[in-house]
């Protein structure tokens, strides 16, 4: 019984240790190459419950000044949302899966379709280096290649 309990604790701690600590407050997040996009006042929190790390990232878009929150549940499951643009009637289906890799990064795959046509496929990897959070994205949006690194400080 004691061995089973110890194994359970080890596996629980190991699962948590595999996910990076991304918590922090970041004044500005800017992409490289800088295309005029980015965000400010980012707050990243994370929680660990039932063996799963969940990240919440809230920031303000520097163009629109809209504040939004993105949630990443690092369990590898695909989460899908559907939204219809009220002006055009286009139906957007967004699928996101996130997990933590062996290199202690939060990784994810984002797929978006618009009226059942591929719109975007983006791979991301997020890590913290010192007080900076670095996000690398690659993939395609409307057939255009995307390869970008965003640094939050």
C-alpha atoms as a PDB file:
ATOM      1  CA  UNK A   1       0.000   0.000   0.000  1.00  0.00           C
ATOM      2  CA  UNK A   2       2.786   2.386   0.902  1.00  0.00           C
ATOM      3  CA  UNK A   3       4.561   1.647  -2.394  1.00  0.00           C
ATOM      4  CA  UNK A   4       1.378   2.403  -4.365  1.00  0.00           C
ATOM      5  CA  UNK A   5       0.905   5.681  -2.515  1.00  0.00           C
ATOM      6  CA  UNK A   6       4.534   6.655  -3.167  1.00  0.00           C
ATOM      7  CA  UNK A   7       4.172   5.776  -6.857  1.00  0.00           C
ATOM      8  CA  UNK A   8       0.990   7.865  -7.072  1.00  0.00           C
ATOM      9  CA  UNK A   9       2.724  10.863  -5.476  1.00  0.00           C
ATOM     10  CA  UNK A  10       5.728  10.458  -7.782  1.00  0.00           C
ATOM     11  CA  UNK A  11       3.548  10.281 -10.910  1.00  0.00           C
ATOM     12  CA  UNK A  12       1.499  13.279  -9.787  1.00  0.00           C
ATOM     13  CA  UNK A  13       4.585  15.366  -9.086  1.00  0.00           C
ATOM     14  CA  UNK A  14       6.241  14.172 -12.315  1.00  0.00           C
ATOM     15  CA  UNK A  15       3.210  15.178 -14.365  1.00  0.00           C
ATOM     16  CA  UNK A  16       3.268  18.622 -12.773  1.00  0.00           C
ATOM     17  CA  UNK A  17       7.026  19.005 -13.209  1.00  0.00           C
ATOM     18  CA  UNK A  18       6.703  18.281 -16.937  1.00  0.00           C
ATOM     19  CA  UNK A  19       4.711  21.483 -17.441  1.00  0.00           C
ATOM     20  CA  UNK A  20       6.546  24.804 -17.295  1.00  0.00           C
ATOM     21  CA  UNK A  21       5.828  27.480 -14.732  1.00  0.00           C
ATOM     22  CA  UNK A  22       4.619  30.305 -16.970  1.00  0.00           C
ATOM     23  CA  UNK A  23       3.022  32.442 -14.265  1.00  0.00           C
ATOM     24  CA  UNK A  24       3.798  36.115 -14.362  1.00  0.00           C
ATOM     25  CA  UNK A  25       2.857  39.638 -15.346  1.00  0.00           C
ATOM     26  CA  UNK A  26       4.257  40.924 -18.613  1.00  0.00           C
ATOM     27  CA  UNK A  27       4.044  44.579 -19.702  1.00  0.00           C
ATOM     28  CA  UNK A  28       4.451  43.935 -23.427  1.00  0.00           C
ATOM     29  CA  UNK A  29       4.398  40.960 -25.824  1.00  0.00           C
ATOM     30  CA  UNK A  30       5.785  41.686 -29.288  1.00  0.00           C
ATOM     31  CA  UNK A  31       6.342  39.362 -32.251  1.00  0.00           C
ATOM     32  CA  UNK A  32       9.512  39.020 -34.309  1.00  0.00           C
ATOM     33  CA  UNK A  33       9.231  39.927 -37.081  1.00  0.00           C
ATOM     34  CA  UNK A  34       7.246  42.869 -35.718  1.00  0.00           C
ATOM     35  CA  UNK A  35       4.135  43.297 -37.841  1.00  0.00           C
ATOM     36  CA  UNK A  36       2.462  45.906 -35.650  1.00  0.00           C
ATOM     37  CA  UNK A  37       0.572  43.339 -33.605  1.00  0.00           C
ATOM     38  CA  UNK A  38       1.101  42.329 -30.020  1.00  0.00           C
ATOM     39  CA  UNK A  39      -0.409  42.606 -26.604  1.00  0.00           C
ATOM     40  CA  UNK A  40       0.136  44.436 -23.348  1.00  0.00           C
ATOM     41  CA  UNK A  41      -0.541  43.879 -19.670  1.00  0.00           C
ATOM     42  CA  UNK A  42      -0.489  40.081 -19.956  1.00  0.00           C
ATOM     43  CA  UNK A  43      -1.255  38.124 -16.798  1.00  0.00           C
ATOM     44  CA  UNK A  44      -0.539  34.394 -16.833  1.00  0.00           C
ATOM     45  CA  UNK A  45      -1.861  32.116 -14.110  1.00  0.00           C
ATOM     46  CA  UNK A  46      -1.797  28.367 -13.883  1.00  0.00           C
ATOM     47  CA  UNK A  47      -3.445  25.740 -11.765  1.00  0.00           C
ATOM     48  CA  UNK A  48      -2.986  22.033 -11.243  1.00  0.00           C
ATOM     49  CA  UNK A  49      -6.024  19.868 -10.580  1.00  0.00           C
ATOM     50  CA  UNK A  50      -6.649  16.144 -11.027  1.00  0.00           C
ATOM     51  CA  UNK A  51      -3.247  15.690 -12.676  1.00  0.00           C
ATOM     52  CA  UNK A  52      -3.764  18.412 -15.304  1.00  0.00           C
ATOM     53  CA  UNK A  53      -2.143  21.839 -15.622  1.00  0.00           C
ATOM     54  CA  UNK A  54      -4.377  24.645 -16.886  1.00  0.00           C
ATOM     55  CA  UNK A  55      -3.038  28.000 -18.031  1.00  0.00           C
ATOM     56  CA  UNK A  56      -5.026  31.235 -18.252  1.00  0.00           C
ATOM     57  CA  UNK A  57      -3.507  34.095 -20.262  1.00  0.00           C
ATOM     58  CA  UNK A  58      -5.259  37.483 -20.156  1.00  0.00           C
ATOM     59  CA  UNK A  59      -3.972  40.417 -22.201  1.00  0.00           C
ATOM     60  CA  UNK A  60      -4.929  43.578 -24.082  1.00  0.00           C
ATOM     61  CA  UNK A  61      -4.577  43.720 -27.875  1.00  0.00           C
ATOM     62  CA  UNK A  62      -2.370  46.724 -28.732  1.00  0.00           C
ATOM     63  CA  UNK A  63      -4.399  47.550 -31.863  1.00  0.00           C
ATOM     64  CA  UNK A  64      -8.008  47.155 -30.739  1.00  0.00           C
ATOM     65  CA  UNK A  65      -7.412  47.592 -26.992  1.00  0.00           C
ATOM     66  CA  UNK A  66      -9.773  44.632 -26.412  1.00  0.00           C
ATOM     67  CA  UNK A  67      -8.977  42.554 -23.339  1.00  0.00           C
ATOM     68  CA  UNK A  68      -9.292  38.798 -23.775  1.00  0.00           C
ATOM     69  CA  UNK A  69      -8.456  35.560 -22.003  1.00  0.00           C
ATOM     70  CA  UNK A  70      -7.129  32.365 -23.553  1.00  0.00           C
ATOM     71  CA  UNK A  71      -7.249  29.102 -21.607  1.00  0.00           C
ATOM     72  CA  UNK A  72      -4.976  26.145 -22.332  1.00  0.00           C
ATOM     73  CA  UNK A  73      -5.709  22.801 -20.654  1.00  0.00           C
ATOM     74  CA  UNK A  74      -2.505  20.763 -20.997  1.00  0.00           C
ATOM     75  CA  UNK A  75      -4.065  17.305 -21.193  1.00  0.00           C
ATOM     76  CA  UNK A  76      -3.746  16.603 -24.936  1.00  0.00           C
ATOM     77  CA  UNK A  77      -7.514  16.563 -25.495  1.00  0.00           C
ATOM     78  CA  UNK A  78      -8.974  18.520 -28.408  1.00  0.00           C
ATOM     79  CA  UNK A  79     -11.437  21.244 -27.470  1.00  0.00           C
ATOM     80  CA  UNK A  80     -13.650  22.612 -30.222  1.00  0.00           C
ATOM     81  CA  UNK A  81     -15.700  25.807 -30.398  1.00  0.00           C
ATOM     82  CA  UNK A  82     -17.973  27.079 -33.157  1.00  0.00           C
ATOM     83  CA  UNK A  83     -18.765  30.720 -33.911  1.00  0.00           C
ATOM     84  CA  UNK A  84     -20.802  32.268 -36.703  1.00  0.00           C
ATOM     85  CA  UNK A  85     -19.871  35.726 -37.948  1.00  0.00           C
ATOM     86  CA  UNK A  86     -23.115  37.739 -37.664  1.00  0.00           C
ATOM     87  CA  UNK A  87     -22.250  39.956 -40.644  1.00  0.00           C
ATOM     88  CA  UNK A  88     -21.158  37.311 -43.144  1.00  0.00           C
ATOM     89  CA  UNK A  89     -22.707  34.095 -41.831  1.00  0.00           C
ATOM     90  CA  UNK A  90     -19.321  32.361 -42.068  1.00  0.00           C
ATOM     91  CA  UNK A  91     -19.068  29.503 -39.571  1.00  0.00           C
ATOM     92  CA  UNK A  92     -15.677  29.265 -37.873  1.00  0.00           C
ATOM     93  CA  UNK A  93     -14.771  26.026 -36.104  1.00  0.00           C
ATOM     94  CA  UNK A  94     -11.716  26.239 -33.840  1.00  0.00           C
ATOM     95  CA  UNK A  95      -9.989  23.159 -32.408  1.00  0.00           C
ATOM     96  CA  UNK A  96      -7.216  23.472 -29.846  1.00  0.00           C
ATOM     97  CA  UNK A  97      -5.177  20.846 -28.067  1.00  0.00           C
ATOM     98  CA  UNK A  98      -2.375  21.533 -25.601  1.00  0.00           C
ATOM     99  CA  UNK A  99       0.108  19.438 -23.689  1.00  0.00           C
ATOM    100  CA  UNK A 100       3.528  19.719 -22.064  1.00  0.00           C
ATOM    101  CA  UNK A 101       6.530  18.180 -23.793  1.00  0.00           C
ATOM    102  CA  UNK A 102       9.710  16.525 -22.529  1.00  0.00           C
ATOM    103  CA  UNK A 103      11.606  19.828 -22.886  1.00  0.00           C
ATOM    104  CA  UNK A 104       9.307  21.522 -20.347  1.00  0.00           C
ATOM    105  CA  UNK A 105       7.375  23.557 -22.941  1.00  0.00           C
ATOM    106  CA  UNK A 106       3.647  24.121 -23.236  1.00  0.00           C
ATOM    107  CA  UNK A 107       2.843  22.993 -26.773  1.00  0.00           C
ATOM    108  CA  UNK A 108      -0.346  23.246 -28.754  1.00  0.00           C
ATOM    109  CA  UNK A 109      -2.015  22.802 -32.099  1.00  0.00           C
ATOM    110  CA  UNK A 110      -4.700  25.214 -33.280  1.00  0.00           C
ATOM    111  CA  UNK A 111      -6.861  24.379 -36.300  1.00  0.00           C
ATOM    112  CA  UNK A 112      -9.480  26.744 -37.719  1.00  0.00           C
ATOM    113  CA  UNK A 113     -11.920  26.090 -40.523  1.00  0.00           C
ATOM    114  CA  UNK A 114     -14.229  28.616 -42.174  1.00  0.00           C
ATOM    115  CA  UNK A 115     -17.327  27.068 -43.748  1.00  0.00           C
ATOM    116  CA  UNK A 116     -15.558  23.664 -43.713  1.00  0.00           C
ATOM    117  CA  UNK A 117     -12.483  25.030 -45.549  1.00  0.00           C
ATOM    118  CA  UNK A 118      -9.053  25.083 -43.891  1.00  0.00           C
ATOM    119  CA  UNK A 119      -8.371  28.569 -42.602  1.00  0.00           C
ATOM    120  CA  UNK A 120      -5.415  28.115 -40.246  1.00  0.00           C
ATOM    121  CA  UNK A 121      -3.206  25.422 -38.771  1.00  0.00           C
ATOM    122  CA  UNK A 122      -0.790  26.726 -36.145  1.00  0.00           C
ATOM    123  CA  UNK A 123       1.716  24.861 -33.964  1.00  0.00           C
ATOM    124  CA  UNK A 124       2.949  26.647 -30.872  1.00  0.00           C
ATOM    125  CA  UNK A 125       5.529  26.158 -28.164  1.00  0.00           C
ATOM    126  CA  UNK A 126       5.712  28.321 -25.022  1.00  0.00           C
ATOM    127  CA  UNK A 127       8.486  28.470 -22.444  1.00  0.00           C
ATOM    128  CA  UNK A 128       9.784  30.855 -19.825  1.00  0.00           C
ATOM    129  CA  UNK A 129      13.414  31.979 -19.865  1.00  0.00           C
ATOM    130  CA  UNK A 130      14.239  34.012 -16.797  1.00  0.00           C
ATOM    131  CA  UNK A 131      11.537  36.683 -16.572  1.00  0.00           C
ATOM    132  CA  UNK A 132      10.613  36.435 -20.266  1.00  0.00           C
ATOM    133  CA  UNK A 133       7.938  34.210 -21.798  1.00  0.00           C
ATOM    134  CA  UNK A 134       8.719  33.107 -25.353  1.00  0.00           C
ATOM    135  CA  UNK A 135       6.123  31.721 -27.767  1.00  0.00           C
ATOM    136  CA  UNK A 136       7.167  30.191 -31.092  1.00  0.00           C
ATOM    137  CA  UNK A 137       4.453  29.678 -33.692  1.00  0.00           C
ATOM    138  CA  UNK A 138       4.598  28.036 -37.104  1.00  0.00           C
ATOM    139  CA  UNK A 139       2.063  26.877 -39.634  1.00  0.00           C
ATOM    140  CA  UNK A 140      -0.213  28.557 -42.134  1.00  0.00           C
ATOM    141  CA  UNK A 141      -3.069  31.048 -42.204  1.00  0.00           C
ATOM    142  CA  UNK A 142      -5.125  31.196 -45.413  1.00  0.00           C
ATOM    143  CA  UNK A 143      -2.302  29.418 -47.248  1.00  0.00           C
ATOM    144  CA  UNK A 144       0.387  31.838 -46.064  1.00  0.00           C
ATOM    145  CA  UNK A 145       3.261  30.432 -44.024  1.00  0.00           C
ATOM    146  CA  UNK A 146       3.610  31.709 -40.478  1.00  0.00           C
ATOM    147  CA  UNK A 147       6.852  31.480 -38.528  1.00  0.00           C
ATOM    148  CA  UNK A 148       7.047  33.863 -35.601  1.00  0.00           C
ATOM    149  CA  UNK A 149       8.549  34.248 -32.153  1.00  0.00           C
ATOM    150  CA  UNK A 150       6.743  36.415 -29.615  1.00  0.00           C
ATOM    151  CA  UNK A 151       8.577  37.593 -26.509  1.00  0.00           C
ATOM    152  CA  UNK A 152       6.769  38.835 -23.416  1.00  0.00           C
ATOM    153  CA  UNK A 153       8.722  40.932 -20.928  1.00  0.00           C
END
